[in-house]
Protein backbone atom coordinates (compact mmCIF):
# COMPACT_ATOMS: atom_id res chain seq x y z
CA MET A 1 0.00 0.00 0.00
CA ARG A 2 2.85 2.26 0.76
CA ASN A 3 4.14 1.83 -2.80
CA PHE A 4 0.72 2.71 -4.16
CA LEU A 5 0.53 5.95 -2.16
CA THR A 6 4.01 6.94 -3.28
CA ASN A 7 3.10 6.29 -6.90
CA LEU A 8 -0.14 8.21 -6.45
CA LEU A 9 1.76 11.16 -4.94
CA ILE A 10 4.23 11.12 -7.84
CA ALA A 11 1.37 10.97 -10.38
CA VAL A 12 -0.47 13.86 -8.70
CA SER A 13 2.78 15.89 -8.59
CA LEU A 14 3.38 15.25 -12.30
CA CYS A 15 -0.22 16.27 -13.09
CA LEU A 16 0.25 19.50 -11.13
CA CYS A 17 3.50 20.18 -13.00
CA VAL A 18 1.75 19.66 -16.34
CA LEU A 19 -1.12 21.94 -15.21
CA ILE A 20 1.33 24.69 -14.19
CA TRP A 21 3.24 24.34 -17.47
CA PHE A 22 -0.06 24.57 -19.45
CA GLN A 23 -1.08 27.70 -17.53
CA TRP A 24 2.31 29.34 -18.19
CA VAL A 25 2.04 28.65 -21.91
CA ARG A 26 -1.52 29.99 -21.99
CA GLU A 27 -0.52 33.09 -20.00
CA GLY A 28 2.42 33.75 -22.38
CA ARG A 29 0.15 33.58 -25.43
CA THR A 30 -2.38 35.87 -23.76
CA ARG A 31 0.34 38.43 -23.00
CA HIS A 32 1.54 38.34 -26.63
CA LYS A 33 -2.02 38.95 -27.85
CA LEU A 34 -2.49 41.76 -25.34
CA GLN A 35 0.77 43.40 -26.48
CA ALA A 36 -0.31 43.11 -30.14
CA LEU A 37 -3.64 44.77 -29.34
CA THR A 38 -1.86 47.52 -27.38
CA ASP A 39 0.46 48.13 -30.35
CA THR A 40 -2.53 48.33 -32.71
CA VAL A 41 -4.31 50.87 -30.50
CA HIS A 42 -1.10 52.92 -30.24
CA ASP A 43 -0.63 52.90 -34.04
CA ARG A 44 -4.23 54.01 -34.54
CA ASP A 45 -3.80 56.83 -32.04
CA GLU A 46 -0.70 58.04 -33.88
CA THR A 47 -2.55 57.87 -37.20
CA ILE A 48 -5.47 59.84 -35.77
CA GLN A 49 -3.12 62.51 -34.44
CA GLY A 50 -1.43 62.76 -37.83
CA ILE A 51 -4.78 63.09 -39.58
CA ARG A 52 -5.89 65.79 -37.15
CA GLY A 53 -2.71 67.74 -37.90
CA THR A 54 -3.34 67.37 -41.62
CA VAL A 55 -6.92 68.57 -41.18
CA LYS A 56 -5.72 71.67 -39.33
CA ARG A 57 -3.20 72.42 -42.09
CA TYR A 58 -5.87 71.99 -44.75
CA GLU A 59 -8.26 74.26 -42.84
CA ALA A 60 -5.56 76.94 -42.63
CA GLU A 61 -4.87 76.58 -46.37
CA ILE A 62 -8.60 76.86 -47.14
CA SER A 63 -8.81 80.01 -45.03
CA ARG A 64 -5.82 81.47 -46.85
CA LEU A 65 -7.29 80.65 -50.25
CA ASP A 66 -10.66 82.08 -49.23
CA GLY A 67 -8.95 85.35 -48.23
CA LEU A 68 -7.11 85.41 -51.53
CA LYS A 69 -10.38 84.81 -53.39
CA ASN A 70 -12.02 87.68 -51.49
CA GLN A 71 -9.08 89.92 -52.36
CA LEU A 72 -9.34 89.06 -56.04
CA THR A 73 -13.09 89.62 -55.97
CA ALA A 74 -12.55 93.09 -54.48
CA THR A 75 -9.96 93.82 -57.17
CA VAL A 76 -12.38 92.80 -59.92
CA ARG A 77 -15.07 94.98 -58.37
CA SER A 78 -12.77 98.01 -58.27
CA ASN A 79 -11.69 97.35 -61.86
CA ARG A 80 -15.32 97.37 -62.95
CA GLN A 81 -15.84 100.71 -61.22
CA GLU A 82 -12.76 102.08 -62.95
CA ILE A 83 -14.08 100.89 -66.32
CA VAL A 84 -17.40 102.63 -65.69
CA SER A 85 -15.53 105.81 -64.75
CA LEU A 86 -13.37 105.63 -67.88
CA THR A 87 -16.44 105.02 -70.04
CA GLY A 88 -17.97 108.19 -68.59
CA ASP A 89 -14.76 110.06 -69.35
CA LEU A 90 -14.82 108.72 -72.90
CA ASP A 91 -18.41 109.87 -73.40
CA LYS A 92 -17.51 113.26 -71.97
CA THR A 93 -14.56 113.48 -74.37
CA LYS A 94 -16.78 112.57 -77.31
CA THR A 95 -19.29 115.28 -76.49
CA ASP A 96 -16.44 117.74 -76.08
CA LEU A 97 -15.14 116.74 -79.52
CA GLU A 98 -18.57 117.41 -81.08
CA ARG A 99 -18.76 120.79 -79.43
CA GLN A 100 -15.28 121.61 -80.72
CA THR A 101 -16.31 120.54 -84.21
CA ARG A 102 -19.34 122.87 -84.20
CA GLN A 103 -17.15 125.65 -82.90
CA VAL A 104 -14.71 125.12 -85.80
CA GLU A 105 -17.58 125.53 -88.28
CA ALA A 106 -18.68 128.74 -86.56
CA TYR A 107 -15.21 130.21 -86.46
CA LYS A 108 -13.69 129.93 -89.92
CA ASP A 109 -11.06 132.54 -89.16
CA ALA A 110 -9.56 130.33 -86.39
CA LEU A 111 -9.41 127.29 -88.64
CA ASP A 112 -5.71 126.57 -88.12
CA ARG A 113 -5.88 126.69 -84.32
CA ALA A 114 -9.07 124.63 -84.25
CA ASN A 115 -7.52 121.95 -86.52
CA GLU A 116 -4.56 121.61 -84.18
CA SER A 117 -6.91 121.31 -81.22
CA ILE A 118 -8.95 118.64 -82.98
CA ASN A 119 -5.83 116.68 -83.91
CA LYS A 120 -4.69 116.82 -80.32
CA GLN A 121 -8.07 115.73 -79.08
CA ASN A 122 -8.12 112.87 -81.58
CA GLU A 123 -4.77 111.72 -80.30
CA ASP A 124 -6.13 111.87 -76.74
CA VAL A 125 -9.13 109.81 -77.78
CA LYS A 126 -6.88 107.25 -79.49
CA ARG A 127 -4.66 107.11 -76.43
CA GLN A 128 -7.69 106.68 -74.20
CA ASN A 129 -9.03 103.95 -76.49
CA GLU A 130 -5.67 102.20 -76.32
CA GLU A 131 -5.70 102.55 -72.56
CA MET A 132 -9.25 101.16 -72.50
CA LYS A 133 -8.13 98.20 -74.60
CA LYS A 134 -5.13 97.68 -72.35
CA MET A 135 -7.31 97.87 -69.25
CA ALA A 136 -9.79 95.45 -70.80
CA GLU A 137 -6.94 93.02 -71.49
CA GLU A 138 -5.69 93.41 -67.92
CA ARG A 139 -9.23 92.83 -66.64
CA ASN A 140 -9.48 89.69 -68.79
CA GLU A 141 -6.18 88.45 -67.36
CA ILE A 142 -7.41 89.08 -63.83
CA VAL A 143 -10.68 87.31 -64.58
CA ALA A 144 -8.73 84.36 -66.01
CA LYS A 145 -6.58 84.25 -62.86
CA TYR A 146 -9.71 84.48 -60.73
CA ASN A 147 -11.28 81.60 -62.66
CA LYS A 148 -8.10 79.55 -62.14
CA VAL A 149 -8.14 80.26 -58.41
CA VAL A 150 -11.81 79.32 -58.23
CA GLY A 151 -11.04 76.10 -60.16
CA ASP A 152 -8.15 75.32 -57.79
CA PHE A 153 -10.43 76.06 -54.83
CA ASN A 154 -13.07 73.71 -56.23
CA ASP A 155 -10.42 71.00 -56.79
CA LEU A 156 -9.22 71.48 -53.23
CA ALA A 157 -12.79 71.30 -51.94
CA THR A 158 -13.32 68.07 -53.91
CA LYS A 159 -10.12 66.60 -52.51
CA TRP A 160 -11.16 67.74 -49.05
CA ASN A 161 -14.56 66.05 -49.37
CA THR A 162 -12.93 62.87 -50.66
CA LEU A 163 -10.52 62.90 -47.74
CA GLN A 164 -13.37 63.47 -45.30
CA GLU A 165 -15.29 60.56 -46.77
CA SER A 166 -12.28 58.28 -46.55
CA LEU A 167 -11.62 59.46 -43.00
CA SER A 168 -15.20 58.86 -41.99
CA LYS A 169 -14.97 55.34 -43.42
CA THR A 170 -11.69 54.54 -41.68
CA ASN A 171 -12.67 56.17 -38.38
CA ALA A 172 -16.12 54.59 -38.22
CA PRO A 173 -16.44 52.46 -35.05
CA ALA A 174 -16.43 48.73 -35.64
CA ASP A 175 -19.65 46.82 -34.99
CA LYS A 176 -19.50 45.14 -31.59
CA LYS A 177 -20.82 41.62 -31.64
């Protein structure tokens, strides 16, 4: 009987050793899984912080572009006012030219002086027309630049929306089951 009890004690001791070994292996695997999950959460947190920084930079860039757009809009508005003013000056010059022409007909004795005045006025009108053409070309260039900026702003807005959609898809919480 004594031999049986000794064998039983040895068997129980071996079983306990196997149980302890099994628990250590299981605990080691659990710690590896826990570390992997911790690393994943840390990587996601870093990604989220990076995305937030990118969003802030994009918002600052959008604000800058919006200010630039407002500036260009104000410039276009002032150019339009200048064009209206120059058109009024042109009309005033034309009426002055007609008055000078009638005065030349009335004063035949001052024909030479009146002809010189008319030639000078014609040159002024031509110069003003050239300036009007030049200003119209400059206005067209500004409008083209404005259209480009608006196109770039729309492209940026499209990219922004695409980024927001992709961010909302990647940052959506996973379904808990």
